[in-house]
Structures are given as C-alpha cells and as structure tokens.
C-alpha cells in the first residue's frame, strides 16, 4: 500500500505529470526540464525527487549533470502508472504543447542550455513571439 500512495501522490500534481511525460521516451537533463517548466532548479528538483521516490523516474549523475528517465525494468505497479500517464496525459493540450517545446529545447546542447540559464537569457520562448536568442543559434 505504501508504494501505491507514493505513486499516487507523485502523480497528484500537474507539474510532476509534465515532468514524467517529458521523460517517457528519452532521458532528460535537469536543465532541459527547467527550461520546459520554467520553474527554479530547486523546485524542479523537488518534483523530480517525488517522482523518483515513487519509482516513476530514475536518475544518473554525469559530472555535475543529473539526467532522469523512466526505469528500463519497472515494477508492475510502476509500469501500470507509467502506462496510465502515457495513455491519458499525453493527449492533453499542455503535454502536446510541452512536446512541441521539447523539440526546440532538444536542439540545444545541454551545456549551452545550462550556460544560457546561468547567464539569465531564456533561450526557448514560451510563446510564439520570435526570441532574439533563438535567432542566434543554428539548429542541427
């Protein structure tokens, strides 16, 4: 029962569902998730810790970078929870918008993205208004 309550608590917040959805199909660096959700690194880290406590995400450290992904061999209850999010949340307007935004965020090297965040420039605009920093970068 404890695992179930931890998972349902982790999924009870829209921000955590967005973070989990962002990590469903690929590993994400914290800087990418900060850029997506537009909250402080500390806030994102707290949300990620709750998802990790529920077994919905796992992390790996690479130097100073922390990357999150869904577990490759989840327990049955975690597998079912992830499948539930994949089945229902992925069709919501917010998650669809997040996927479009992640495509733009993915065009940036995470090191460059983190540097731009430290320097205080937002590199991926939250609206459709052109942003000067985007125009300076070449997409691959």
N, C-alpha and C. Protein backbone atom coordinates (compact mmCIF):
# COMPACT_ATOMS: atom_id res chain seq x y z
N UNK A 1 0.81 -1.20 0.00
CA UNK A 1 0.00 0.00 0.00
C UNK A 1 0.86 1.27 0.00
N UNK A 2 2.00 1.21 0.67
CA UNK A 2 2.87 2.38 0.73
C UNK A 2 3.32 2.80 -0.67
N UNK A 3 3.68 1.84 -1.51
CA UNK A 3 4.14 2.15 -2.87
C UNK A 3 3.02 2.82 -3.67
N UNK A 4 1.80 2.31 -3.51
CA UNK A 4 0.66 2.89 -4.21
C UNK A 4 0.43 4.34 -3.79
N UNK A 5 0.49 4.63 -2.51
CA UNK A 5 0.26 6.01 -2.05
C UNK A 5 1.39 6.93 -2.50
N UNK A 6 2.61 6.41 -2.53
CA UNK A 6 3.74 7.22 -3.00
C UNK A 6 3.57 7.55 -4.49
N UNK A 7 3.16 6.58 -5.27
CA UNK A 7 2.95 6.80 -6.71
C UNK A 7 1.80 7.76 -6.94
N UNK A 8 0.68 7.55 -6.27
CA UNK A 8 -0.47 8.43 -6.50
C UNK A 8 -0.18 9.84 -6.02
N UNK A 9 0.60 9.98 -4.96
CA UNK A 9 0.99 11.32 -4.52
C UNK A 9 1.89 11.98 -5.58
N UNK A 10 2.81 11.21 -6.13
CA UNK A 10 3.70 11.75 -7.16
C UNK A 10 2.93 12.21 -8.39
N UNK A 11 1.84 11.51 -8.70
CA UNK A 11 1.05 11.84 -9.89
C UNK A 11 -0.08 12.83 -9.59
N UNK A 12 -0.15 13.33 -8.37
CA UNK A 12 -1.25 14.22 -8.00
C UNK A 12 -1.00 15.69 -8.36
N UNK A 13 0.14 15.96 -8.97
CA UNK A 13 0.49 17.34 -9.29
C UNK A 13 0.71 17.48 -10.80
N UNK A 14 0.10 18.47 -11.44
CA UNK A 14 0.26 18.63 -12.90
C UNK A 14 1.72 18.84 -13.33
N UNK A 15 2.50 19.53 -12.52
CA UNK A 15 3.91 19.74 -12.88
C UNK A 15 4.65 18.41 -12.92
N UNK A 16 4.38 17.55 -11.96
CA UNK A 16 5.06 16.25 -11.94
C UNK A 16 4.62 15.38 -13.11
N UNK A 17 3.37 15.47 -13.49
CA UNK A 17 2.91 14.72 -14.67
C UNK A 17 3.63 15.23 -15.91
N UNK A 18 3.78 16.54 -16.02
CA UNK A 18 4.50 17.11 -17.17
C UNK A 18 5.96 16.64 -17.19
N UNK A 19 6.59 16.61 -16.02
CA UNK A 19 7.98 16.15 -15.95
C UNK A 19 8.10 14.68 -16.34
N UNK A 20 7.20 13.87 -15.82
CA UNK A 20 7.21 12.45 -16.18
C UNK A 20 6.98 12.28 -17.68
N UNK A 21 6.01 12.98 -18.22
CA UNK A 21 5.72 12.89 -19.65
C UNK A 21 6.94 13.28 -20.49
N UNK A 22 7.67 14.27 -20.04
CA UNK A 22 8.86 14.71 -20.77
C UNK A 22 9.95 13.64 -20.80
N UNK A 23 9.93 12.76 -19.81
CA UNK A 23 10.97 11.73 -19.71
C UNK A 23 10.51 10.35 -20.19
N UNK A 24 9.31 10.26 -20.73
CA UNK A 24 8.79 8.95 -21.11
C UNK A 24 9.59 8.28 -22.23
N UNK A 25 9.99 9.05 -23.21
CA UNK A 25 10.62 8.44 -24.38
C UNK A 25 12.12 8.69 -24.50
N UNK A 26 12.65 9.50 -23.58
CA UNK A 26 14.09 9.73 -23.62
C UNK A 26 14.56 10.32 -22.31
N UNK A 27 15.83 10.18 -22.08
CA UNK A 27 16.45 10.75 -20.89
C UNK A 27 16.52 12.26 -21.04
N UNK A 28 16.32 12.97 -19.94
CA UNK A 28 16.36 14.43 -19.95
C UNK A 28 17.28 14.94 -18.85
N UNK A 29 18.06 15.94 -19.20
CA UNK A 29 18.90 16.64 -18.24
C UNK A 29 18.01 17.61 -17.45
N UNK A 30 18.35 17.85 -16.20
CA UNK A 30 17.57 18.77 -15.38
C UNK A 30 17.45 20.13 -16.05
N UNK A 31 18.51 20.60 -16.70
CA UNK A 31 18.44 21.92 -17.34
C UNK A 31 17.37 21.94 -18.43
N UNK A 32 17.15 20.84 -19.12
CA UNK A 32 16.10 20.77 -20.13
C UNK A 32 14.72 20.85 -19.47
N UNK A 33 14.58 20.19 -18.33
CA UNK A 33 13.30 20.20 -17.63
C UNK A 33 13.02 21.56 -17.01
N UNK A 34 14.06 22.23 -16.53
CA UNK A 34 13.91 23.59 -16.01
C UNK A 34 13.43 24.51 -17.12
N UNK A 35 14.01 24.37 -18.29
CA UNK A 35 13.62 25.20 -19.44
C UNK A 35 12.18 24.91 -19.85
N UNK A 36 11.77 23.67 -19.80
CA UNK A 36 10.41 23.30 -20.20
C UNK A 36 9.38 23.87 -19.24
N UNK A 37 9.58 23.66 -17.96
CA UNK A 37 8.57 24.01 -16.96
C UNK A 37 8.69 25.46 -16.51
N UNK A 38 9.85 26.04 -16.64
CA UNK A 38 10.08 27.43 -16.25
C UNK A 38 9.83 27.66 -14.76
N UNK A 39 10.38 26.77 -13.97
CA UNK A 39 10.44 26.94 -12.52
C UNK A 39 11.91 26.91 -12.13
N UNK A 40 12.20 27.26 -10.90
CA UNK A 40 13.59 27.24 -10.44
C UNK A 40 14.12 25.81 -10.43
N UNK A 41 15.42 25.71 -10.49
CA UNK A 41 16.08 24.42 -10.44
C UNK A 41 15.69 23.69 -9.15
N UNK A 42 15.62 24.40 -8.03
CA UNK A 42 15.26 23.79 -6.75
C UNK A 42 13.85 23.23 -6.78
N UNK A 43 12.91 23.97 -7.36
CA UNK A 43 11.52 23.48 -7.45
C UNK A 43 11.43 22.24 -8.33
N UNK A 44 12.10 22.29 -9.46
CA UNK A 44 12.09 21.13 -10.37
C UNK A 44 12.71 19.93 -9.66
N UNK A 45 13.80 20.14 -8.96
CA UNK A 45 14.46 19.04 -8.26
C UNK A 45 13.56 18.41 -7.20
N UNK A 46 12.78 19.20 -6.51
CA UNK A 46 11.84 18.66 -5.52
C UNK A 46 10.77 17.80 -6.19
N UNK A 47 10.25 18.28 -7.30
CA UNK A 47 9.26 17.49 -8.05
C UNK A 47 9.88 16.19 -8.56
N UNK A 48 11.09 16.27 -9.08
CA UNK A 48 11.76 15.07 -9.59
C UNK A 48 12.03 14.08 -8.47
N UNK A 49 12.37 14.58 -7.28
CA UNK A 49 12.61 13.70 -6.14
C UNK A 49 11.35 12.92 -5.77
N UNK A 50 10.19 13.55 -5.88
CA UNK A 50 8.93 12.85 -5.59
C UNK A 50 8.65 11.76 -6.63
N UNK A 51 8.92 12.08 -7.89
CA UNK A 51 8.74 11.08 -8.95
C UNK A 51 9.72 9.92 -8.76
N UNK A 52 10.92 10.24 -8.36
CA UNK A 52 11.94 9.21 -8.12
C UNK A 52 11.55 8.36 -6.92
N UNK A 53 11.03 8.98 -5.86
CA UNK A 53 10.61 8.23 -4.67
C UNK A 53 9.50 7.24 -5.00
N UNK A 54 8.66 7.60 -5.97
CA UNK A 54 7.59 6.71 -6.40
C UNK A 54 8.06 5.64 -7.37
N UNK A 55 9.33 5.70 -7.76
CA UNK A 55 9.86 4.73 -8.71
C UNK A 55 9.51 5.03 -10.15
N UNK A 56 8.91 6.19 -10.40
CA UNK A 56 8.48 6.55 -11.75
C UNK A 56 9.65 7.07 -12.60
N UNK A 57 10.67 7.59 -11.96
CA UNK A 57 11.87 8.05 -12.64
C UNK A 57 13.09 7.54 -11.90
N UNK A 58 14.17 7.44 -12.62
CA UNK A 58 15.46 7.16 -12.01
C UNK A 58 16.45 8.19 -12.55
N UNK A 59 17.53 8.38 -11.81
CA UNK A 59 18.49 9.40 -12.22
C UNK A 59 19.88 8.79 -12.33
N UNK A 60 20.70 9.50 -13.07
CA UNK A 60 22.12 9.18 -13.13
C UNK A 60 22.88 10.49 -13.17
N UNK A 61 24.00 10.49 -12.53
CA UNK A 61 24.84 11.68 -12.49
C UNK A 61 26.00 11.49 -13.45
N UNK A 62 26.27 12.54 -14.20
CA UNK A 62 27.40 12.56 -15.12
C UNK A 62 28.14 13.86 -14.86
N UNK A 63 29.17 13.79 -14.02
CA UNK A 63 29.84 15.01 -13.60
C UNK A 63 28.88 15.85 -12.77
N UNK A 64 28.67 17.08 -13.19
CA UNK A 64 27.74 17.95 -12.47
C UNK A 64 26.32 17.88 -13.02
N UNK A 65 26.10 17.07 -14.03
CA UNK A 65 24.80 16.96 -14.67
C UNK A 65 24.02 15.78 -14.09
N UNK A 66 22.73 15.98 -13.91
CA UNK A 66 21.85 14.90 -13.47
C UNK A 66 20.81 14.68 -14.57
N UNK A 67 20.66 13.44 -14.98
CA UNK A 67 19.74 13.06 -16.05
C UNK A 67 18.66 12.15 -15.47
N UNK A 68 17.44 12.31 -15.95
CA UNK A 68 16.31 11.50 -15.49
C UNK A 68 15.69 10.74 -16.65
N UNK A 69 15.19 9.56 -16.33
CA UNK A 69 14.50 8.73 -17.30
C UNK A 69 13.57 7.79 -16.56
N UNK A 70 12.64 7.20 -17.30
CA UNK A 70 11.81 6.17 -16.69
C UNK A 70 12.66 4.91 -16.53
N UNK A 71 12.36 4.11 -15.54
CA UNK A 71 13.18 2.90 -15.32
C UNK A 71 13.02 1.91 -16.47
N UNK A 72 14.10 1.29 -16.90
CA UNK A 72 14.01 0.34 -18.01
C UNK A 72 13.27 -0.95 -17.63
N UNK A 73 13.30 -1.32 -16.35
CA UNK A 73 12.62 -2.54 -15.88
C UNK A 73 11.77 -2.19 -14.64
N UNK A 74 10.68 -1.46 -14.86
CA UNK A 74 9.88 -1.03 -13.70
C UNK A 74 9.12 -2.19 -13.07
N UNK A 75 8.77 -2.01 -11.81
CA UNK A 75 7.91 -2.98 -11.14
C UNK A 75 6.54 -2.92 -11.82
N UNK A 76 5.72 -3.94 -11.64
CA UNK A 76 4.40 -3.93 -12.30
C UNK A 76 3.56 -2.70 -11.96
N UNK A 77 3.54 -2.26 -10.72
CA UNK A 77 2.71 -1.10 -10.36
C UNK A 77 3.26 0.18 -11.00
N UNK A 78 4.57 0.32 -11.08
CA UNK A 78 5.18 1.48 -11.74
C UNK A 78 4.92 1.41 -13.24
N UNK A 79 5.05 0.24 -13.82
CA UNK A 79 4.76 0.07 -15.25
C UNK A 79 3.33 0.48 -15.56
N UNK A 80 2.39 0.08 -14.70
CA UNK A 80 0.98 0.43 -14.91
C UNK A 80 0.76 1.94 -14.77
N UNK A 81 1.43 2.56 -13.81
CA UNK A 81 1.28 4.01 -13.61
C UNK A 81 1.83 4.78 -14.80
N UNK A 82 2.97 4.35 -15.31
CA UNK A 82 3.57 4.99 -16.49
C UNK A 82 2.66 4.79 -17.70
N UNK A 83 2.10 3.60 -17.85
CA UNK A 83 1.19 3.33 -18.97
C UNK A 83 -0.05 4.21 -18.86
N UNK A 84 -0.54 4.43 -17.65
CA UNK A 84 -1.69 5.29 -17.43
C UNK A 84 -1.39 6.72 -17.89
N UNK A 85 -0.24 7.23 -17.50
CA UNK A 85 0.16 8.58 -17.93
C UNK A 85 0.31 8.63 -19.44
N UNK A 86 0.95 7.62 -20.00
CA UNK A 86 1.14 7.57 -21.46
C UNK A 86 -0.21 7.54 -22.18
N UNK A 87 -1.16 6.81 -21.65
CA UNK A 87 -2.46 6.67 -22.31
C UNK A 87 -3.34 7.91 -22.20
N UNK A 88 -3.31 8.57 -21.08
CA UNK A 88 -4.27 9.65 -20.85
C UNK A 88 -3.66 11.05 -20.85
N UNK A 89 -2.52 11.23 -20.23
CA UNK A 89 -1.95 12.58 -20.13
C UNK A 89 -1.36 13.06 -21.45
N UNK A 90 -0.86 12.14 -22.25
CA UNK A 90 -0.16 12.53 -23.47
C UNK A 90 -1.07 13.23 -24.48
N UNK A 91 -2.37 13.14 -24.30
CA UNK A 91 -3.30 13.79 -25.23
C UNK A 91 -3.77 15.14 -24.74
N UNK A 92 -3.35 15.54 -23.54
CA UNK A 92 -3.81 16.83 -23.03
C UNK A 92 -3.11 17.96 -23.78
N UNK A 93 -3.77 19.10 -23.83
CA UNK A 93 -3.22 20.24 -24.56
C UNK A 93 -1.86 20.65 -24.00
N UNK A 94 -1.70 20.65 -22.68
CA UNK A 94 -0.44 21.06 -22.07
C UNK A 94 0.70 20.13 -22.46
N UNK A 95 0.47 18.84 -22.44
CA UNK A 95 1.52 17.89 -22.77
C UNK A 95 1.87 17.96 -24.26
N UNK A 96 0.89 18.18 -25.10
CA UNK A 96 1.14 18.36 -26.54
C UNK A 96 2.00 19.61 -26.76
N UNK A 97 1.68 20.69 -26.07
CA UNK A 97 2.49 21.91 -26.16
C UNK A 97 3.90 21.67 -25.63
N UNK A 98 4.00 20.92 -24.54
CA UNK A 98 5.32 20.59 -23.99
C UNK A 98 6.15 19.81 -25.01
N UNK A 99 5.52 18.87 -25.71
CA UNK A 99 6.26 18.08 -26.71
C UNK A 99 6.80 18.98 -27.82
N UNK A 100 6.01 19.95 -28.24
CA UNK A 100 6.47 20.90 -29.26
C UNK A 100 7.63 21.72 -28.73
N UNK A 101 7.52 22.15 -27.50
CA UNK A 101 8.58 22.95 -26.87
C UNK A 101 9.85 22.12 -26.66
N UNK A 102 9.68 20.85 -26.29
CA UNK A 102 10.84 19.98 -26.10
C UNK A 102 11.61 19.78 -27.40
N UNK A 103 10.92 19.78 -28.51
CA UNK A 103 11.61 19.66 -29.79
C UNK A 103 12.56 20.83 -30.00
N UNK A 104 12.15 22.01 -29.56
CA UNK A 104 13.03 23.19 -29.66
C UNK A 104 14.16 23.12 -28.63
N UNK A 105 13.83 22.69 -27.42
CA UNK A 105 14.83 22.58 -26.36
C UNK A 105 15.89 21.54 -26.74
N UNK A 106 15.47 20.45 -27.37
CA UNK A 106 16.39 19.39 -27.77
C UNK A 106 17.42 19.86 -28.79
N UNK A 107 17.13 20.95 -29.47
CA UNK A 107 18.08 21.47 -30.47
C UNK A 107 19.31 22.09 -29.81
N UNK A 108 19.23 22.33 -28.52
CA UNK A 108 20.35 22.93 -27.79
C UNK A 108 21.15 21.87 -27.06
N UNK A 109 22.45 21.99 -27.09
CA UNK A 109 23.30 21.14 -26.28
C UNK A 109 23.01 21.48 -24.81
N UNK A 110 22.83 20.50 -23.93
CA UNK A 110 22.53 20.79 -22.54
C UNK A 110 23.55 21.71 -21.86
N UNK A 111 24.81 21.61 -22.24
CA UNK A 111 25.82 22.50 -21.66
C UNK A 111 25.55 23.96 -22.05
N UNK A 112 25.21 24.18 -23.30
CA UNK A 112 24.88 25.54 -23.76
C UNK A 112 23.60 26.02 -23.10
N UNK A 113 22.64 25.15 -22.97
CA UNK A 113 21.37 25.50 -22.34
C UNK A 113 21.59 25.92 -20.90
N UNK A 114 22.36 25.16 -20.15
CA UNK A 114 22.65 25.50 -18.75
C UNK A 114 23.41 26.81 -18.65
N UNK A 115 24.35 27.03 -19.57
CA UNK A 115 25.11 28.29 -19.56
C UNK A 115 24.18 29.47 -19.79
N UNK A 116 23.27 29.35 -20.75
CA UNK A 116 22.33 30.43 -21.05
C UNK A 116 21.39 30.67 -19.86
N UNK A 117 21.01 29.61 -19.17
CA UNK A 117 20.16 29.78 -17.98
C UNK A 117 20.92 30.52 -16.88
N UNK A 118 22.20 30.16 -16.68
CA UNK A 118 23.01 30.85 -15.66
C UNK A 118 23.20 32.32 -16.00
N UNK A 119 23.34 32.62 -17.30
CA UNK A 119 23.56 34.00 -17.73
C UNK A 119 22.27 34.80 -17.77
N UNK A 120 21.16 34.13 -17.53
CA UNK A 120 19.89 34.84 -17.43
C UNK A 120 19.18 35.09 -18.74
N UNK A 121 19.57 34.40 -19.79
CA UNK A 121 18.83 34.57 -21.03
C UNK A 121 17.98 33.34 -21.27
N UNK A 122 16.75 33.57 -21.58
CA UNK A 122 15.84 32.47 -21.88
C UNK A 122 16.07 32.11 -23.35
N UNK A 123 16.40 30.87 -23.60
CA UNK A 123 16.76 30.53 -24.98
C UNK A 123 15.61 29.94 -25.77
N UNK A 124 14.56 29.48 -25.13
CA UNK A 124 13.43 28.91 -25.85
C UNK A 124 12.18 29.64 -25.38
N UNK A 125 11.62 30.48 -26.22
CA UNK A 125 10.50 31.30 -25.77
C UNK A 125 9.27 30.45 -25.43
N UNK A 126 8.49 30.93 -24.48
CA UNK A 126 7.27 30.23 -24.08
C UNK A 126 6.09 30.62 -24.95
N UNK A 127 6.27 31.56 -25.82
CA UNK A 127 5.18 31.96 -26.70
C UNK A 127 5.65 31.81 -28.14
N UNK A 128 4.80 32.18 -29.05
CA UNK A 128 5.18 32.09 -30.46
C UNK A 128 5.87 33.36 -30.94
N UNK A 129 6.07 34.31 -30.05
CA UNK A 129 6.76 35.55 -30.40
C UNK A 129 8.23 35.23 -30.65
N UNK A 130 8.81 35.71 -31.75
CA UNK A 130 10.22 35.45 -32.02
C UNK A 130 11.09 35.91 -30.86
N UNK A 131 12.14 35.19 -30.60
CA UNK A 131 13.03 35.50 -29.49
C UNK A 131 14.43 35.71 -30.04
N UNK A 132 15.12 36.77 -29.65
CA UNK A 132 16.42 37.09 -30.23
C UNK A 132 17.47 36.01 -30.00
N UNK A 133 17.43 35.31 -28.87
CA UNK A 133 18.44 34.30 -28.62
C UNK A 133 18.27 33.08 -29.53
N UNK A 134 17.05 32.78 -29.91
CA UNK A 134 16.82 31.66 -30.82
C UNK A 134 17.41 31.95 -32.19
N UNK A 135 17.31 33.18 -32.62
CA UNK A 135 17.79 33.53 -33.94
C UNK A 135 19.31 33.45 -34.04
N UNK A 136 20.01 33.48 -32.89
CA UNK A 136 21.46 33.43 -32.89
C UNK A 136 21.99 32.02 -33.03
N UNK A 137 21.14 31.02 -32.86
CA UNK A 137 21.60 29.63 -32.84
C UNK A 137 21.22 28.90 -34.12
N UNK A 138 22.09 27.99 -34.49
CA UNK A 138 21.82 27.15 -35.65
C UNK A 138 21.31 25.82 -35.15
N UNK A 139 20.18 25.38 -35.68
CA UNK A 139 19.64 24.09 -35.30
C UNK A 139 20.23 23.00 -36.16
N UNK A 140 20.46 21.86 -35.55
CA UNK A 140 21.02 20.73 -36.28
C UNK A 140 19.97 19.71 -36.56
